[in-house]
Amino acid sequence: MRFTKIILRVFLALFFVLAPRAHAQDAGVIDEAEATLRAEQNANAPVAATVKKDEPFTFECEPKADWCKVTLRSRESGWLEKVAIRYHYTEKDLPETDDPKNLSEIGSLARSHGFNYDKVVRAAARGDVKALKQFFALAEDVDGAAAESYAGTPWTVFHLVGDAKFAAFLKAQPLKFRLLVRETIAGDSVIPYLQRHFPQTVAILFYREMTEWLSPNGRYAIHKVFSDEFALGDSKVTRAELIEKESGKVLCDMTADDIGLGRDREGSVLWSPDSKRFAYMSAWMKQRAGKFSDIPPPEPQKKQTTVYQIAGESFAKVEMPLSEVPDREKDAELVGAVVGHEYTEPVRWAKPDVLILQRHDYYQKFKPITSGGETFQSIIDLGRLYQITATIKPDGKAAVVWKLRKD
């Protein structure tokens, strides 16, 4: 079930970023005061017409084309460079309203979250803060038919809200929510478009360095530097450190323990309630190239957690054996299986010195299947989910208990 959810999140990310590509008869506007339509796909071609700012028009673009055929409401037409065009939507482009007696999958999901999907979508498109939170938070849970209904709508919503208002909304939200929005609307292929037409939003969602995760006592924070703010697929953490919030003094360098790379490069931090410890999760999410059956197989994606504890005026790494699953070699079903990912993530602090973590491992292997008298090799997916309880001692060591979960 957990692996299925991960695959659906990947599907949604692709669906969201592919949805806004130009196709026949899209509507657009320009950001500049005016633009010139040309008789041919050439900046030196004769002038065919002029379009004003915020004057809606329809346009068609061939795949990978630099110029698009634009038709004005006056029926005048000509060619305009694609980079000048911003998609234009109205509330008519939002999903049709549900039949309250026969709710769609997305309508039912929203109702389970305590709100009416149709009303929230329209309120979100008008910039209502509460509705925007509810609407984008759904991206965490949509799957199946609900995912298909949801896909593309976030793109329409933030266009209707507008750059300045949407950026102001995002700026006031916690990091986890901002990252969810980035994953929902900002695939690599649309980043150049967003840079041109939504610069304020881009400044909130993309950055070369960040300071986040303030400790409960307000004294400490985490500072990270990335190799590139926009190339999310290959961007990695180049520096990670715990700082004193007021002075900026570096108290602990975590760079060596931060494997952050890819769209989840930021990772996460979970502070203990007394601010004396923090669980530091970093994620290596390089897109896997090749098949699990290759020799050698692709390197598995990883999420690893390192815990740090206060030590005098600084913090030090806690000795915590989390890299190897106990007795894995005794699991007969996993014999011959290849690891696809290893995710070890903090869940909560049960006590200031007791951390609950979750470990999810995903595997693939061949299994012989007989059908119609013939035997062939079928690929099967396997998963293992563990709850880990780590009790951290004053000497910087931890006692760790693993428990295999059946769900």
Protein backbone atom coordinates (compact mmCIF):
# COMPACT_ATOMS: atom_id res chain seq x y z
CA MET A 1 0.00 0.00 0.00
CA ARG A 2 2.81 2.38 0.93
CA PHE A 3 4.72 1.65 -2.28
CA THR A 4 1.54 2.20 -4.30
CA LYS A 5 1.20 5.62 -2.69
CA ILE A 6 4.77 6.50 -3.65
CA ILE A 7 4.18 5.51 -7.27
CA LEU A 8 1.00 7.60 -7.35
CA ARG A 9 2.89 10.63 -6.04
CA VAL A 10 5.37 10.22 -8.90
CA PHE A 11 2.49 9.92 -11.37
CA LEU A 12 0.87 13.06 -10.00
CA ALA A 13 4.09 15.03 -10.21
CA LEU A 14 4.42 14.09 -13.87
CA PHE A 15 0.73 14.70 -14.57
CA PHE A 16 0.77 18.13 -12.96
CA VAL A 17 3.77 19.37 -14.91
CA LEU A 18 2.73 17.89 -18.24
CA ALA A 19 -0.83 19.23 -18.04
CA PRO A 20 -0.01 22.90 -18.84
CA ARG A 21 1.74 22.24 -22.14
CA ALA A 22 0.36 24.16 -25.07
CA HIS A 23 -2.18 22.48 -27.31
CA ALA A 24 -4.80 23.61 -29.79
CA GLN A 25 -6.65 26.79 -28.87
CA ASP A 26 -5.13 27.63 -25.51
CA ALA A 27 -5.87 31.11 -24.19
CA GLY A 28 -3.08 33.51 -23.38
CA VAL A 29 -2.13 37.07 -22.47
CA ILE A 30 1.11 39.03 -22.36
CA ASP A 31 2.84 40.66 -19.38
CA GLU A 32 4.32 43.59 -21.30
CA ALA A 33 2.39 46.76 -22.21
CA GLU A 34 2.02 45.50 -25.77
CA ALA A 35 3.51 43.03 -28.23
CA THR A 36 3.74 42.86 -31.99
CA LEU A 37 2.34 39.96 -33.97
CA ARG A 38 4.43 39.13 -37.02
CA ALA A 39 3.30 37.90 -40.42
CA GLU A 40 5.91 35.15 -40.24
CA GLN A 41 7.93 33.37 -37.56
CA ASN A 42 10.62 36.00 -37.64
CA ALA A 43 11.25 39.09 -35.54
CA ASN A 44 11.97 41.06 -38.72
CA ALA A 45 8.80 39.97 -40.53
CA PRO A 46 6.09 42.57 -41.32
CA VAL A 47 3.74 43.58 -38.52
CA ALA A 48 0.43 41.71 -38.64
CA ALA A 49 -1.26 43.17 -35.53
CA THR A 50 -0.63 44.47 -32.03
CA VAL A 51 -1.83 42.90 -28.78
CA LYS A 52 -2.20 44.85 -25.52
CA LYS A 53 -1.42 43.74 -21.98
CA ASP A 54 -4.15 41.57 -20.41
CA GLU A 55 -5.96 41.29 -23.77
CA PRO A 56 -6.93 37.60 -24.01
CA PHE A 57 -6.21 35.74 -27.25
CA THR A 58 -6.06 32.17 -28.44
CA PHE A 59 -2.84 30.54 -29.57
CA GLU A 60 -1.49 27.32 -31.00
CA CYS A 61 2.08 26.06 -30.71
CA GLU A 62 3.80 23.14 -32.34
CA PRO A 63 5.90 20.98 -29.99
CA LYS A 64 9.26 22.62 -29.21
CA ALA A 65 8.36 25.62 -31.39
CA ASP A 66 9.72 29.08 -30.55
CA TRP A 67 6.77 30.89 -32.16
CA CYS A 68 3.03 30.43 -31.73
CA LYS A 69 0.12 31.32 -34.00
CA VAL A 70 -1.99 33.94 -32.16
CA THR A 71 -5.55 34.93 -33.00
CA LEU A 72 -7.07 38.05 -31.44
CA ARG A 73 -10.73 38.57 -30.66
CA SER A 74 -10.79 40.94 -33.62
CA ARG A 75 -9.86 37.86 -35.70
CA GLU A 76 -6.55 39.44 -36.60
CA SER A 77 -3.76 36.89 -36.36
CA GLY A 78 -0.01 36.58 -36.51
CA TRP A 79 3.02 34.99 -34.93
CA LEU A 80 4.28 35.73 -31.41
CA GLU A 81 7.31 34.34 -29.62
CA LYS A 82 6.23 31.66 -27.19
CA VAL A 83 8.23 33.15 -24.31
CA ALA A 84 5.99 36.23 -24.36
CA ILE A 85 2.80 34.25 -23.72
CA ARG A 86 1.33 33.62 -20.28
CA TYR A 87 -1.54 31.17 -20.01
CA HIS A 88 -4.88 32.83 -19.34
CA TYR A 89 -7.74 31.22 -17.45
CA THR A 90 -11.15 32.18 -16.13
CA GLU A 91 -13.35 30.44 -13.57
CA LYS A 92 -15.00 28.66 -16.50
CA ASP A 93 -11.77 26.65 -16.80
CA LEU A 94 -12.20 25.20 -13.32
CA PRO A 95 -13.74 21.71 -12.99
CA GLU A 96 -17.47 21.34 -13.44
CA THR A 97 -19.42 21.23 -10.19
CA ASP A 98 -20.30 17.86 -8.67
CA ASP A 99 -23.72 16.35 -8.31
CA PRO A 100 -24.14 16.47 -4.50
CA LYS A 101 -26.09 13.19 -4.65
CA ASN A 102 -23.37 11.43 -6.64
CA LEU A 103 -20.00 12.87 -5.67
CA SER A 104 -16.92 12.25 -7.77
CA GLU A 105 -13.81 10.66 -6.25
CA ILE A 106 -12.20 14.05 -5.68
CA GLY A 107 -15.44 15.41 -4.21
CA SER A 108 -15.65 12.48 -1.81
CA LEU A 109 -12.01 12.88 -0.79
CA ALA A 110 -12.54 16.57 -0.06
CA ARG A 111 -15.65 15.78 1.96
CA SER A 112 -13.61 13.31 4.05
CA HIS A 113 -11.31 16.25 4.79
CA GLY A 114 -14.30 18.30 5.92
CA PHE A 115 -14.97 20.61 2.99
CA ASN A 116 -16.85 20.97 -0.29
CA TYR A 117 -14.41 20.61 -3.19
CA ASP A 118 -16.30 22.80 -5.67
CA LYS A 119 -16.62 25.69 -3.22
CA VAL A 120 -13.01 25.44 -2.08
CA VAL A 121 -11.58 25.32 -5.62
CA ARG A 122 -13.43 28.48 -6.57
CA ALA A 123 -12.55 30.27 -3.34
CA ALA A 124 -8.90 29.25 -3.79
CA ALA A 125 -8.88 30.63 -7.33
CA ARG A 126 -10.04 33.97 -5.89
CA GLY A 127 -7.12 33.94 -3.44
CA ASP A 128 -8.88 32.90 -0.23
CA VAL A 129 -6.06 31.81 2.11
CA LYS A 130 -7.95 29.06 3.94
CA ALA A 131 -9.23 27.62 0.66
CA LEU A 132 -5.74 27.68 -0.89
CA LYS A 133 -4.41 25.70 2.05
CA GLN A 134 -7.20 23.14 1.81
CA PHE A 135 -6.94 22.80 -1.95
CA PHE A 136 -3.17 22.32 -2.23
CA ALA A 137 -3.05 20.05 0.83
CA LEU A 138 -5.16 17.56 -1.14
CA ALA A 139 -2.13 16.84 -3.33
CA GLU A 140 -0.78 14.77 -0.42
CA ASP A 141 -3.70 12.34 -0.53
CA VAL A 142 -5.15 12.15 -4.04
CA ASP A 143 -4.92 8.84 -5.86
CA GLY A 144 -6.75 6.90 -8.56
CA ALA A 145 -9.67 8.72 -10.15
CA ALA A 146 -9.30 11.57 -7.65
CA ALA A 147 -5.75 12.15 -8.89
CA GLU A 148 -6.94 12.33 -12.48
CA SER A 149 -9.59 14.89 -11.55
CA TYR A 150 -7.17 16.96 -9.48
CA ALA A 151 -4.32 16.97 -12.00
CA GLY A 152 -4.00 20.24 -13.89
CA THR A 153 -6.35 22.16 -11.60
CA PRO A 154 -3.53 23.51 -9.36
CA TRP A 155 -1.97 25.08 -12.47
CA THR A 156 -5.25 26.82 -13.28
CA VAL A 157 -5.79 27.95 -9.69
CA PHE A 158 -2.47 29.71 -9.16
CA HIS A 159 -2.76 31.43 -12.56
CA LEU A 160 -6.12 32.82 -11.47
CA VAL A 161 -4.68 33.96 -8.14
CA GLY A 162 -1.79 35.79 -9.82
CA ASP A 163 1.92 36.01 -9.07
CA ALA A 164 2.02 38.66 -6.34
CA LYS A 165 -0.90 37.30 -4.33
CA PHE A 166 0.19 33.67 -4.66
CA ALA A 167 3.76 34.50 -3.61
CA ALA A 168 2.48 36.40 -0.56
CA PHE A 169 0.35 33.39 0.38
CA LEU A 170 3.27 30.96 0.02
CA LYS A 171 5.64 33.17 2.00
CA ALA A 172 3.40 32.81 5.05
CA GLN A 173 3.27 28.99 4.84
CA PRO A 174 5.59 26.47 6.52
CA LEU A 175 8.37 24.86 4.49
CA LYS A 176 6.66 21.48 4.18
CA PHE A 177 3.63 23.08 2.55
CA ARG A 178 5.75 25.20 0.19
CA LEU A 179 7.62 22.09 -0.94
CA LEU A 180 4.32 20.31 -1.57
CA VAL A 181 3.20 23.21 -3.76
CA ARG A 182 6.52 23.21 -5.62
CA GLU A 183 6.19 19.50 -6.32
CA THR A 184 2.63 20.05 -7.51
CA ILE A 185 3.13 22.91 -9.97
CA ALA A 186 6.83 23.19 -10.80
CA GLY A 187 8.28 20.38 -12.86
CA ASP A 188 11.65 20.99 -14.50
CA SER A 189 10.06 21.62 -17.91
CA VAL A 190 7.99 24.59 -16.72
CA ILE A 191 10.57 26.36 -14.54
CA PRO A 192 11.68 28.73 -17.36
CA TYR A 193 8.01 29.65 -17.90
CA LEU A 194 7.53 30.35 -14.20
CA GLN A 195 10.70 32.45 -14.06
CA ARG A 196 9.35 34.70 -16.81
CA HIS A 197 5.75 35.02 -15.70
CA PHE A 198 5.74 34.25 -11.95
CA PRO A 199 9.04 35.69 -10.67
CA GLN A 200 7.76 36.41 -7.16
CA THR A 201 6.44 32.87 -6.77
CA VAL A 202 9.72 31.45 -8.07
CA ALA A 203 11.66 33.46 -5.48
CA ILE A 204 9.68 31.68 -2.73
CA LEU A 205 9.86 28.15 -4.17
CA PHE A 206 13.45 28.09 -5.46
CA TYR A 207 16.57 29.18 -3.58
CA ARG A 208 20.31 28.59 -3.41
CA GLU A 209 20.36 28.60 0.39
CA MET A 210 17.86 28.40 3.22
CA THR A 211 17.57 28.80 6.99
CA GLU A 212 14.67 26.84 8.47
CA TRP A 213 13.60 24.48 11.26
CA LEU A 214 13.82 26.78 14.25
CA SER A 215 14.21 24.88 17.52
CA PRO A 216 11.31 25.01 20.03
CA ASN A 217 13.28 27.36 22.29
CA GLY A 218 13.99 29.66 19.34
CA ARG A 219 17.74 29.48 19.82
CA TYR A 220 18.86 27.22 16.95
CA ALA A 221 18.13 26.79 13.24
CA ILE A 222 19.37 24.73 10.29
CA HIS A 223 21.21 26.45 7.43
CA LYS A 224 21.68 24.71 4.06
CA VAL A 225 23.32 25.64 0.77
CA PHE A 226 22.48 23.93 -2.54
CA SER A 227 24.51 23.54 -5.73
CA ASP A 228 21.70 24.92 -7.92
CA GLU A 229 18.32 26.45 -7.12
CA PHE A 230 16.57 25.36 -10.33
CA ALA A 231 18.04 22.06 -11.57
CA LEU A 232 16.14 20.11 -8.95
CA GLY A 233 16.89 16.70 -10.42
CA ASP A 234 20.64 17.10 -9.86
CA SER A 235 20.80 19.82 -7.21
CA LYS A 236 22.58 18.65 -4.07
CA VAL A 237 23.39 19.93 -0.60
CA THR A 238 26.86 21.49 -0.52
CA ARG A 239 26.73 22.73 3.06
CA ALA A 240 24.53 21.89 6.04
CA GLU A 241 25.01 23.28 9.52
CA LEU A 242 23.31 24.01 12.80
CA ILE A 243 23.56 27.68 13.65
CA GLU A 244 22.77 29.89 16.59
CA LYS A 245 19.79 31.84 15.26
CA GLU A 246 20.65 35.22 16.77
CA SER A 247 24.37 35.36 15.95
CA GLY A 248 24.58 33.01 12.96
CA LYS A 249 27.44 31.16 14.68
CA VAL A 250 27.96 27.61 13.36
CA LEU A 251 27.54 25.10 16.18
CA CYS A 252 27.65 21.83 14.23
CA ASP A 253 28.56 20.90 10.65
CA MET A 254 26.26 18.17 9.28
CA THR A 255 27.47 18.32 5.66
CA ALA A 256 29.14 14.91 5.77
CA ASP A 257 25.88 13.30 6.91
CA ASP A 258 23.63 15.06 4.39
CA ILE A 259 23.07 13.00 1.23
CA GLY A 260 20.48 15.48 -0.08
CA LEU A 261 20.07 15.35 -3.86
CA GLY A 262 17.09 15.73 -6.16
CA ARG A 263 13.62 17.16 -5.73
CA ASP A 264 13.61 16.22 -2.02
CA ARG A 265 17.03 17.79 -1.43
CA GLU A 266 15.76 19.89 1.51
CA GLY A 267 15.06 16.87 3.70
CA SER A 268 13.43 17.52 7.07
CA VAL A 269 14.25 18.15 10.72
CA LEU A 270 12.32 17.04 13.80
CA TRP A 271 13.32 18.74 17.06
CA SER A 272 12.82 17.17 20.47
CA PRO A 273 10.48 19.29 22.63
CA ASP A 274 13.34 20.34 24.94
CA SER A 275 15.52 21.53 22.00
CA LYS A 276 18.37 19.24 23.12
CA ARG A 277 18.17 16.84 20.16
CA PHE A 278 17.07 16.84 16.55
CA ALA A 279 16.44 14.11 13.98
CA TYR A 280 17.96 15.13 10.67
CA MET A 281 16.55 13.43 7.56
CA SER A 282 18.26 13.82 4.19
CA ALA A 283 17.19 12.24 0.91
CA TRP A 284 19.18 10.99 -2.08
CA MET A 285 16.49 10.87 -4.78
CA LYS A 286 18.48 10.52 -7.99
CA GLN A 287 16.25 9.21 -10.77
CA ARG A 288 17.15 5.56 -11.22
CA ALA A 289 18.60 4.62 -14.61
CA GLY A 290 18.30 1.04 -15.78
CA LYS A 291 16.48 -2.05 -14.53
CA PHE A 292 16.73 -3.79 -11.20
CA SER A 293 18.03 -6.86 -13.03
CA ASP A 294 21.04 -4.99 -14.42
CA ILE A 295 24.48 -5.98 -13.15
CA PRO A 296 25.24 -4.02 -11.09
CA PRO A 297 21.69 -2.84 -10.32
CA PRO A 298 20.89 0.89 -10.10
CA GLU A 299 21.75 2.51 -6.80
CA PRO A 300 18.67 2.57 -4.56
CA GLN A 301 17.05 5.85 -3.57
CA LYS A 302 17.61 6.65 0.08
CA LYS A 303 16.23 8.65 2.95
CA GLN A 304 18.49 8.50 5.97
CA THR A 305 18.10 9.92 9.46
CA THR A 306 20.92 11.10 11.69
CA VAL A 307 20.31 12.28 15.24
CA TYR A 308 22.30 15.01 16.97
CA GLN A 309 22.36 15.77 20.69
CA ILE A 310 23.54 18.80 22.61
CA ALA A 311 27.10 18.48 23.87
CA GLY A 312 28.29 21.45 25.87
CA GLU A 313 28.04 24.54 23.66
CA SER A 314 27.63 22.47 20.49
CA PHE A 315 25.81 19.39 19.21
CA ALA A 316 27.29 15.96 18.41
CA LYS A 317 26.16 13.01 16.32
CA VAL A 318 24.43 10.20 18.22
CA GLU A 319 25.68 6.65 17.62
CA MET A 320 22.59 4.94 16.24
CA PRO A 321 22.65 1.69 14.20
CA LEU A 322 20.04 2.35 11.51
CA SER A 323 21.78 1.38 8.27
CA GLU A 324 21.13 -2.39 8.40
CA VAL A 325 17.81 -4.11 9.07
CA PRO A 326 18.25 -6.80 11.74
CA ASP A 327 17.87 -10.39 10.52
CA ARG A 328 17.13 -9.36 6.95
CA GLU A 329 19.05 -12.41 5.71
CA LYS A 330 16.51 -14.64 7.50
CA ASP A 331 13.62 -13.21 5.46
CA ALA A 332 13.16 -16.00 2.88
CA GLU A 333 10.91 -13.92 0.64
CA LEU A 334 13.69 -11.39 0.12
CA VAL A 335 16.26 -13.91 -1.12
CA GLY A 336 17.41 -12.71 -4.55
CA ALA A 337 15.51 -9.43 -4.21
CA VAL A 338 17.10 -6.12 -5.24
CA VAL A 339 16.61 -2.99 -3.14
CA GLY A 340 14.76 -0.17 -4.92
CA HIS A 341 14.68 2.26 -2.03
CA GLU A 342 15.51 2.52 1.66
CA TYR A 343 13.59 5.22 3.54
CA THR A 344 14.34 5.83 7.22
CA GLU A 345 12.35 8.81 8.49
CA PRO A 346 11.60 10.30 11.92
CA VAL A 347 7.95 10.16 12.98
CA ARG A 348 7.72 11.75 16.44
CA TRP A 349 9.45 12.19 19.77
CA ALA A 350 7.68 9.93 22.30
CA LYS A 351 9.78 11.59 25.01
CA PRO A 352 12.55 14.21 24.80
CA ASP A 353 15.06 11.33 24.60
CA VAL A 354 12.95 8.68 22.81
CA LEU A 355 12.52 8.93 19.05
CA ILE A 356 10.07 6.91 16.95
CA LEU A 357 11.19 6.34 13.36
CA GLN A 358 9.80 4.49 10.37
CA ARG A 359 11.79 2.45 7.88
CA HIS A 360 10.31 1.43 4.53
CA ASP A 361 12.26 -0.79 2.14
CA TYR A 362 11.08 -1.60 -1.37
CA TYR A 363 12.40 -4.55 -3.38
CA GLN A 364 11.94 -6.21 -6.76
CA LYS A 365 12.72 -9.76 -7.82
CA PHE A 366 11.86 -12.35 -10.44
CA LYS A 367 9.42 -15.09 -9.52
CA PRO A 368 8.61 -18.07 -11.76
CA ILE A 369 4.95 -18.19 -12.80
CA THR A 370 3.37 -21.16 -14.54
CA SER A 371 0.44 -20.61 -16.88
CA GLY A 372 -0.94 -22.85 -19.61
CA GLY A 373 1.81 -25.35 -19.02
CA GLU A 374 4.53 -22.74 -19.57
CA THR A 375 6.76 -21.19 -16.94
CA PHE A 376 8.03 -17.64 -17.22
CA GLN A 377 9.70 -15.08 -14.95
CA SER A 378 7.40 -12.41 -13.53
CA ILE A 379 8.56 -9.26 -11.74
CA ILE A 380 7.12 -8.91 -8.26
CA ASP A 381 7.28 -5.96 -5.86
CA LEU A 382 7.96 -6.46 -2.19
CA GLY A 383 7.89 -4.05 0.72
CA ARG A 384 8.88 -4.07 4.36
CA LEU A 385 7.76 -1.49 6.91
CA TYR A 386 9.39 -1.22 10.32
CA GLN A 387 8.78 0.89 13.40
CA ILE A 388 12.01 1.83 15.16
CA THR A 389 12.21 3.05 18.74
CA ALA A 390 15.48 4.75 19.65
CA THR A 391 16.27 5.64 23.26
CA ILE A 392 19.09 8.18 23.35
CA LYS A 393 21.46 8.13 26.28
CA PRO A 394 23.45 11.05 27.76
CA ASP A 395 26.71 9.47 26.51
CA GLY A 396 25.64 9.97 22.88
CA LYS A 397 24.67 6.37 22.17
CA ALA A 398 21.23 4.97 21.41
CA ALA A 399 19.45 1.70 22.16
CA VAL A 400 17.41 0.76 19.10
CA VAL A 401 14.45 -1.63 18.86
CA TRP A 402 13.06 -2.68 15.46
CA LYS A 403 9.53 -4.00 14.92
CA LEU A 404 8.22 -5.32 11.59
CA ARG A 405 4.77 -3.93 10.83
CA LYS A 406 2.19 -5.88 8.85
CA ASP A 407 0.36 -2.87 7.32
